[in-house]
């Protein structure tokens, strides 16, 4: 390559280093044009997606990348001039180039943070969700502040200054701030866990057996989650709580369980088997029952006053209102089946048997049973 450039410079009547500078400039212009075309096509492709990250990444990187290309090109040209002129100040130019590249990276991050925040807010507004502007703005400001601090520290280090003492002071200050704001940080990382793992989302019904928490999720911020209880009271739960409790999400169940115990009277023992078979056949043909799931219909036990039949099955729907409609229809059909067999649903009863030892005792007991309230003394 150097010999080729020397030959080209001789033919053009220019020094070889001048030719090198011209080639670097032409290559930079061509690369700049190619990058512009690529970014234009990438931006069109990103606009067709529904995520908030890709278009923000392309738009944020466009100007910093183009500037970085010229800075890198300027660094190559400075090295060429340094070898030719032996000027010491060009070393400082290269250091300034490095700082400028660091600033380009910071510029990209600042633009990216702002565009991502705006895209998240715009997407939530299009979906009709409540937008927590305060939380988004706070996180954007925090991310920008961290970006600026890191950029300044790296730039100072690049220029040759010692920042060990400053970092030690910053570490002590960061430790103090972290201890003072540990609850805030715990809630922040709890919210981050919710956003990443997605154990529940807005509009879903959740409950916790560990805490008195049950209701519909209305809003998830970086500090707390707002749940609307079934009595319409709002419950504000710090996000850190969700990292240490069990959370059930009934909204994501695949089926709803129907579990009932139906008791027949002891006089209907002869028809229990026929009733069980008819109930099982009815459930298998019922449009609201999923026959592919576990289904149990069996005479279960001799109860205190009934012959207990256990019914265990699952509905196809998970909607609460529709489930109760299906349950009502199933129970009514069970009652009809019991009636068709001439049986009765049992209710709590007691049978009292008396054994008398003599005629006098019998007369006394009968009198007491016939007229328990005729005597003034309440015999």
Protein backbone atom coordinates (compact mmCIF):
# COMPACT_ATOMS: atom_id res chain seq x y z
CA UNK A 1 0.00 0.00 0.00
CA UNK A 2 2.74 2.61 0.83
CA UNK A 3 4.54 1.85 -2.46
CA UNK A 4 1.29 2.17 -4.35
CA UNK A 5 0.62 5.51 -2.72
CA UNK A 6 4.17 6.68 -3.55
CA UNK A 7 3.63 5.73 -7.18
CA UNK A 8 0.28 7.50 -7.24
CA UNK A 9 1.79 10.62 -5.66
CA UNK A 10 4.65 10.64 -8.20
CA UNK A 11 2.19 10.45 -11.10
CA UNK A 12 0.10 13.28 -9.62
CA UNK A 13 3.14 15.35 -8.71
CA UNK A 14 2.35 15.21 -5.00
CA UNK A 15 4.24 14.02 -1.97
CA UNK A 16 3.36 10.56 -0.73
CA UNK A 17 1.99 11.84 2.61
CA UNK A 18 -0.27 14.31 0.82
CA UNK A 19 -1.56 11.43 -1.31
CA UNK A 20 -2.19 9.44 1.85
CA UNK A 21 -4.20 12.27 3.33
CA UNK A 22 -6.28 12.57 0.16
CA UNK A 23 -6.97 8.82 0.14
CA UNK A 24 -8.03 8.92 3.80
CA UNK A 25 -10.42 11.79 3.10
CA UNK A 26 -11.94 10.07 0.07
CA UNK A 27 -12.33 6.79 1.97
CA UNK A 28 -13.98 8.64 4.87
CA UNK A 29 -16.46 10.34 2.54
CA UNK A 30 -17.35 7.01 0.90
CA UNK A 31 -17.73 5.27 4.27
CA UNK A 32 -19.82 8.15 5.57
CA UNK A 33 -22.16 7.85 2.59
CA UNK A 34 -22.47 4.07 2.98
CA UNK A 35 -23.25 4.41 6.68
CA UNK A 36 -25.94 7.00 5.93
CA UNK A 37 -27.62 4.66 3.45
CA UNK A 38 -27.46 1.78 5.92
CA UNK A 39 -28.93 3.88 8.75
CA UNK A 40 -31.73 5.08 6.47
CA UNK A 41 -32.77 1.51 5.60
CA UNK A 42 -32.37 0.38 9.20
CA UNK A 43 -34.61 3.22 10.36
CA UNK A 44 -37.34 2.18 7.92
CA UNK A 45 -37.14 -1.41 9.14
CA UNK A 46 -37.23 -0.30 12.80
CA UNK A 47 -40.38 1.78 12.27
CA UNK A 48 -42.26 -1.35 11.19
CA UNK A 49 -41.61 -3.06 14.53
CA UNK A 50 -43.65 -2.54 17.70
CA UNK A 51 -40.78 -2.39 20.19
CA UNK A 52 -39.53 0.81 21.77
CA UNK A 53 -35.83 -0.03 21.48
CA UNK A 54 -34.80 -0.56 17.85
CA UNK A 55 -35.95 2.74 16.36
CA UNK A 56 -34.58 4.59 19.39
CA UNK A 57 -31.23 2.84 18.88
CA UNK A 58 -31.04 3.74 15.18
CA UNK A 59 -32.11 7.36 15.62
CA UNK A 60 -29.77 7.88 18.55
CA UNK A 61 -26.74 6.37 16.85
CA UNK A 62 -27.05 8.19 13.51
CA UNK A 63 -25.29 11.49 14.25
CA UNK A 64 -22.74 10.19 16.81
CA UNK A 65 -21.64 7.39 14.45
CA UNK A 66 -21.14 9.78 11.53
CA UNK A 67 -19.15 12.15 13.75
CA UNK A 68 -17.08 9.26 15.12
CA UNK A 69 -16.12 8.25 11.57
CA UNK A 70 -14.67 11.69 10.92
CA UNK A 71 -12.90 11.71 14.29
CA UNK A 72 -11.25 8.36 13.59
CA UNK A 73 -10.30 9.59 10.14
CA UNK A 74 -8.85 12.76 11.66
CA UNK A 75 -6.77 10.60 14.00
CA UNK A 76 -5.26 8.71 11.07
CA UNK A 77 -4.45 11.95 9.32
CA UNK A 78 -2.85 13.33 12.50
CA UNK A 79 -0.59 10.26 12.69
CA UNK A 80 0.43 10.78 9.06
CA UNK A 81 1.28 14.40 9.76
CA UNK A 82 3.15 13.44 12.92
CA UNK A 83 5.45 11.06 11.06
CA UNK A 84 6.07 13.69 8.45
CA UNK A 85 6.54 16.81 10.58
CA UNK A 86 7.57 15.35 13.98
CA UNK A 87 5.42 17.95 15.73
CA UNK A 88 4.87 17.03 19.42
CA UNK A 89 1.55 18.85 19.70
CA UNK A 90 -0.04 16.21 17.45
CA UNK A 91 0.10 13.80 20.40
CA UNK A 92 -2.27 16.14 22.18
CA UNK A 93 -4.48 16.11 19.10
CA UNK A 94 -4.71 12.33 19.34
CA UNK A 95 -5.60 12.57 23.03
CA UNK A 96 -8.27 15.12 22.15
CA UNK A 97 -9.52 12.68 19.49
CA UNK A 98 -9.93 10.01 22.15
CA UNK A 99 -11.84 12.38 24.40
CA UNK A 100 -14.06 13.37 21.47
CA UNK A 101 -14.85 9.70 20.81
CA UNK A 102 -15.80 9.28 24.48
CA UNK A 103 -18.06 12.31 24.18
CA UNK A 104 -19.64 10.75 21.07
CA UNK A 105 -20.46 7.63 23.06
CA UNK A 106 -21.97 9.79 25.82
CA UNK A 107 -23.93 11.74 23.21
CA UNK A 108 -25.34 8.50 21.85
CA UNK A 109 -26.33 7.28 25.33
CA UNK A 110 -28.02 10.57 26.24
CA UNK A 111 -30.01 10.57 23.00
CA UNK A 112 -30.88 6.89 23.44
CA UNK A 113 -32.13 7.40 27.01
CA UNK A 114 -34.38 10.26 25.97
CA UNK A 115 -35.84 8.49 22.92
CA UNK A 116 -36.47 5.23 24.82
CA UNK A 117 -38.32 7.12 27.55
CA UNK A 118 -40.43 9.01 25.01
CA UNK A 119 -41.19 5.80 23.08
CA UNK A 120 -42.29 3.96 26.25
CA UNK A 121 -44.64 6.82 27.16
CA UNK A 122 -46.03 6.95 23.60
CA UNK A 123 -46.65 3.17 23.52
CA UNK A 124 -48.46 3.22 26.86
CA UNK A 125 -50.64 6.09 25.67
CA UNK A 126 -51.53 4.23 22.45
CA UNK A 127 -52.53 1.17 24.49
CA UNK A 128 -54.68 3.30 26.78
CA UNK A 129 -52.53 2.49 29.81
CA UNK A 130 -51.84 4.92 32.62
CA UNK A 131 -48.47 6.63 32.14
CA UNK A 132 -46.28 7.26 35.18
CA UNK A 133 -44.47 10.35 33.89
CA UNK A 134 -42.82 10.97 37.25
CA UNK A 135 -41.16 7.56 37.36
CA UNK A 136 -40.05 7.69 33.73
CA UNK A 137 -38.60 11.19 34.11
CA UNK A 138 -36.81 10.23 37.32
CA UNK A 139 -35.21 7.19 35.72
CA UNK A 140 -34.20 9.17 32.63
CA UNK A 141 -32.56 11.85 34.79
CA UNK A 142 -30.75 9.24 36.86
CA UNK A 143 -29.44 7.46 33.75
CA UNK A 144 -28.29 10.75 32.21
CA UNK A 145 -26.55 11.79 35.40
CA UNK A 146 -24.67 8.49 35.58
CA UNK A 147 -23.70 8.81 31.90
CA UNK A 148 -22.31 12.31 32.40
CA UNK A 149 -20.36 11.34 35.53
CA UNK A 150 -18.80 8.29 33.87
CA UNK A 151 -17.97 10.32 30.75
CA UNK A 152 -16.20 13.00 32.77
CA UNK A 153 -14.20 10.46 34.77
CA UNK A 154 -13.08 8.52 31.68
CA UNK A 155 -12.19 11.74 29.82
CA UNK A 156 -10.10 13.00 32.71
CA UNK A 157 -8.32 9.65 32.93
CA UNK A 158 -7.67 9.72 29.16
CA UNK A 159 -6.06 13.17 29.44
CA UNK A 160 -3.57 11.76 31.97
CA UNK A 161 -4.98 13.03 35.26
CA UNK A 162 -5.02 10.72 38.31
CA UNK A 163 -8.53 10.17 39.58
CA UNK A 164 -7.86 7.44 42.19
CA UNK A 165 -8.60 9.75 45.11
CA UNK A 166 -11.74 11.05 43.44
CA UNK A 167 -12.97 7.49 42.85
CA UNK A 168 -12.30 6.56 46.47
CA UNK A 169 -14.27 9.60 47.63
CA UNK A 170 -17.06 8.73 45.23
CA UNK A 171 -17.10 5.15 46.52
CA UNK A 172 -17.52 6.29 50.10
CA UNK A 173 -20.25 8.72 49.09
CA UNK A 174 -21.98 6.04 47.02
CA UNK A 175 -21.91 3.67 49.98
CA UNK A 176 -23.48 6.30 52.22
CA UNK A 177 -26.17 7.08 49.67
CA UNK A 178 -26.84 3.37 49.13
CA UNK A 179 -27.32 2.77 52.85
CA UNK A 180 -29.58 5.79 53.19
CA UNK A 181 -31.72 4.80 50.21
CA UNK A 182 -31.70 1.02 50.63
CA UNK A 183 -35.50 0.79 50.68
CA UNK A 184 -35.76 2.88 47.54
CA UNK A 185 -33.17 0.72 45.81
CA UNK A 186 -34.91 -2.47 46.99
CA UNK A 187 -38.17 -1.24 45.48
CA UNK A 188 -36.39 -0.26 42.28
CA UNK A 189 -34.85 -3.70 41.80
CA UNK A 190 -38.13 -5.31 42.81
CA UNK A 191 -39.83 -3.36 40.04
CA UNK A 192 -37.06 -4.39 37.65
CA UNK A 193 -37.69 -8.04 38.57
CA UNK A 194 -41.40 -7.61 37.85
CA UNK A 195 -40.68 -6.02 34.46
CA UNK A 196 -38.24 -8.79 33.50
CA UNK A 197 -39.97 -11.89 34.90
CA UNK A 198 -43.55 -10.71 34.29
CA UNK A 199 -45.23 -12.77 37.05
CA UNK A 200 -48.27 -10.55 36.52
CA UNK A 201 -49.35 -7.66 34.37
CA UNK A 202 -51.79 -4.77 34.43
CA UNK A 203 -55.39 -6.00 34.45
CA UNK A 204 -54.63 -9.42 35.96
CA UNK A 205 -56.06 -10.79 39.20
CA UNK A 206 -53.40 -11.74 41.74
CA UNK A 207 -53.37 -12.81 45.38
CA UNK A 208 -50.81 -13.79 47.98
CA UNK A 209 -51.34 -16.48 50.63
CA UNK A 210 -48.54 -14.85 52.66
CA UNK A 211 -50.09 -11.38 52.82
CA UNK A 212 -53.59 -9.94 52.76
CA UNK A 213 -53.20 -8.97 49.12
CA UNK A 214 -55.82 -9.81 46.52
CA UNK A 215 -57.24 -7.83 43.65
CA UNK A 216 -56.68 -6.59 40.12
CA UNK A 217 -53.36 -4.99 39.15
CA UNK A 218 -53.96 -1.43 37.99
CA UNK A 219 -50.48 0.04 37.71
CA UNK A 220 -46.85 -1.04 38.07
CA UNK A 221 -44.25 1.65 38.70
CA UNK A 222 -40.60 1.41 39.69
CA UNK A 223 -41.46 2.04 43.35
CA UNK A 224 -44.80 0.34 44.01
CA UNK A 225 -47.62 -1.66 42.44
CA UNK A 226 -51.21 -0.48 42.77
CA UNK A 227 -53.80 -3.24 43.20
CA UNK A 228 -57.55 -2.63 43.22
CA UNK A 229 -59.16 -4.91 45.82
CA UNK A 230 -62.57 -6.46 45.17
CA UNK A 231 -64.13 -3.97 47.59
CA UNK A 232 -62.72 -1.26 45.25
CA UNK A 233 -60.10 -0.07 47.74
CA UNK A 234 -56.63 0.60 46.27
CA UNK A 235 -53.71 -1.33 47.75
CA UNK A 236 -50.23 0.15 47.28
CA UNK A 237 -47.61 -2.59 47.60
CA UNK A 238 -43.85 -1.74 47.55
CA UNK A 239 -42.17 -3.72 44.79
CA UNK A 240 -39.61 -5.13 47.22
CA UNK A 241 -42.40 -7.14 48.87
CA UNK A 242 -42.89 -9.25 45.74
CA UNK A 243 -39.34 -10.59 45.96
CA UNK A 244 -40.07 -12.33 49.28
CA UNK A 245 -43.69 -13.53 49.05
CA UNK A 246 -45.60 -16.13 47.06
CA UNK A 247 -47.86 -14.59 44.42
CA UNK A 248 -50.70 -16.50 42.77
CA UNK A 249 -51.97 -15.36 39.40
CA UNK A 250 -55.44 -16.86 38.86
CA UNK A 251 -55.83 -14.87 35.65
CA UNK A 252 -53.39 -17.27 33.97
CA UNK A 253 -55.14 -20.48 35.02
CA UNK A 254 -55.96 -22.87 32.19
CA UNK A 255 -59.24 -24.16 33.70
CA UNK A 256 -61.46 -23.59 36.71
CA UNK A 257 -62.07 -26.46 39.08
CA UNK A 258 -65.54 -27.61 40.09
CA UNK A 259 -65.40 -29.61 43.32
CA UNK A 260 -68.62 -30.55 45.12
CA UNK A 261 -69.90 -33.20 47.52
CA UNK A 262 -73.52 -34.28 47.02
CA UNK A 263 -75.16 -36.29 49.80
CA UNK A 264 -78.04 -38.75 49.30
CA UNK A 265 -80.21 -40.07 52.12
CA UNK A 266 -79.49 -43.51 53.55
CA UNK A 267 -82.82 -44.74 52.19
CA UNK A 268 -81.44 -44.34 48.64
CA UNK A 269 -78.46 -46.67 48.96
CA UNK A 270 -79.81 -48.94 46.21
CA UNK A 271 -79.73 -46.21 43.55
CA UNK A 272 -76.39 -44.59 44.44
CA UNK A 273 -74.48 -46.46 41.72
CA UNK A 274 -77.00 -45.52 39.02
CA UNK A 275 -76.94 -41.88 40.11
CA UNK A 276 -73.12 -41.83 39.96
CA UNK A 277 -73.07 -43.26 36.44
CA UNK A 278 -75.67 -40.80 35.16
CA UNK A 279 -73.84 -37.82 36.68
CA UNK A 280 -70.59 -38.97 35.10
CA UNK A 281 -72.27 -39.35 31.71
CA UNK A 282 -73.83 -35.91 32.03
CA UNK A 283 -70.47 -34.27 32.81
CA UNK A 284 -68.74 -35.97 29.89
CA UNK A 285 -71.36 -34.59 27.49
CA UNK A 286 -71.69 -31.14 29.07
CA UNK A 287 -70.47 -28.36 26.69
CA UNK A 288 -68.97 -26.35 29.55
CA UNK A 289 -66.92 -29.21 31.04
CA UNK A 290 -63.53 -30.26 29.68
CA UNK A 291 -63.73 -34.05 29.55
CA UNK A 292 -60.01 -34.30 28.77
CA UNK A 293 -59.10 -33.08 32.24
CA UNK A 294 -59.30 -35.06 35.46
CA UNK A 295 -62.89 -36.11 36.14
CA UNK A 296 -63.93 -37.98 39.29
CA UNK A 297 -67.51 -38.96 40.14
CA UNK A 298 -67.57 -41.58 42.92
CA UNK A 299 -69.47 -42.61 46.02
CA UNK A 300 -66.97 -41.32 48.53
CA UNK A 301 -68.04 -42.12 52.08
CA UNK A 302 -70.81 -42.94 54.54
CA UNK A 303 -71.41 -39.54 56.10
CA UNK A 304 -73.03 -38.74 59.43
CA UNK A 305 -76.42 -38.35 57.79
CA UNK A 306 -75.80 -38.87 54.08
CA UNK A 307 -74.23 -41.04 51.41
CA UNK A 308 -71.58 -38.67 50.00
CA UNK A 309 -70.81 -38.53 46.25
CA UNK A 310 -67.66 -36.59 45.29
CA UNK A 311 -67.69 -34.62 42.04
CA UNK A 312 -64.34 -33.32 40.78
CA UNK A 313 -63.99 -31.84 37.30
CA UNK A 314 -62.83 -28.75 35.37
CA UNK A 315 -64.68 -26.21 33.28
CA UNK A 316 -63.44 -25.00 29.91
CA UNK A 317 -63.88 -21.34 30.80
CA UNK A 318 -61.74 -19.35 33.20
CA UNK A 319 -64.10 -16.38 33.29
CA UNK A 320 -65.52 -15.99 36.79
CA UNK A 321 -69.09 -15.15 35.75
CA UNK A 322 -69.28 -17.81 33.04
CA UNK A 323 -67.85 -20.38 35.45
CA UNK A 324 -70.71 -19.82 37.89
CA UNK A 325 -73.23 -20.15 35.08
CA UNK A 326 -71.72 -23.51 34.15
CA UNK A 327 -71.64 -24.56 37.79
CA UNK A 328 -75.30 -23.64 38.25
CA UNK A 329 -76.33 -25.67 35.23
CA UNK A 330 -74.32 -28.70 36.40
CA UNK A 331 -75.86 -28.61 39.89
CA UNK A 332 -79.38 -28.28 38.50
CA UNK A 333 -78.83 -31.25 36.21
CA UNK A 334 -77.46 -33.28 39.14
CA UNK A 335 -80.60 -32.46 41.12
CA UNK A 336 -82.72 -33.55 38.17
CA UNK A 337 -80.84 -36.88 37.90
CA UNK A 338 -81.34 -37.55 41.61
CA UNK A 339 -85.04 -36.83 41.27
CA UNK A 340 -85.39 -39.11 38.24
CA UNK A 341 -84.12 -42.02 40.34
CA UNK A 342 -86.60 -41.29 43.10
CA UNK A 343 -83.84 -40.33 45.50
CA UNK A 344 -83.50 -37.31 47.74
CA UNK A 345 -80.65 -35.01 48.66
CA UNK A 346 -79.89 -35.61 52.33
CA UNK A 347 -80.06 -33.01 55.04
CA UNK A 348 -78.77 -33.30 58.64
CA UNK A 349 -81.03 -35.66 60.64
CA UNK A 350 -80.86 -37.57 63.92
CA UNK A 351 -82.71 -40.72 64.98
CA UNK A 352 -83.43 -41.13 68.70
CA UNK A 353 -84.00 -44.68 69.99
CA UNK A 354 -85.25 -45.25 73.57
CA UNK A 355 -85.10 -48.56 75.44
CA UNK A 356 -87.46 -48.77 78.48
CA UNK A 357 -87.09 -51.26 81.33
CA UNK A 358 -90.66 -51.31 82.74
CA UNK A 359 -94.24 -50.27 82.02
CA UNK A 360 -94.11 -47.38 84.48
CA UNK A 361 -91.13 -45.87 82.74
CA UNK A 362 -92.86 -46.22 79.37
CA UNK A 363 -95.96 -44.38 80.65
CA UNK A 364 -93.84 -41.61 82.10
CA UNK A 365 -91.82 -41.12 78.87
CA UNK A 366 -94.88 -41.17 76.65
CA UNK A 367 -96.54 -38.55 78.76
CA UNK A 368 -93.48 -36.38 78.54
CA UNK A 369 -93.33 -36.74 74.76
CA UNK A 370 -97.02 -36.11 74.21
CA UNK A 371 -97.29 -32.96 76.26
CA UNK A 372 -93.86 -31.54 77.16
CA UNK A 373 -95.25 -28.10 77.95
CA UNK A 374 -98.55 -28.91 79.70
CA UNK A 375 -96.97 -29.07 83.12
CA UNK A 376 -96.30 -25.78 84.85
CA UNK A 377 -92.88 -27.04 85.70
CA UNK A 378 -92.05 -27.82 82.08
CA UNK A 379 -91.85 -31.61 82.47
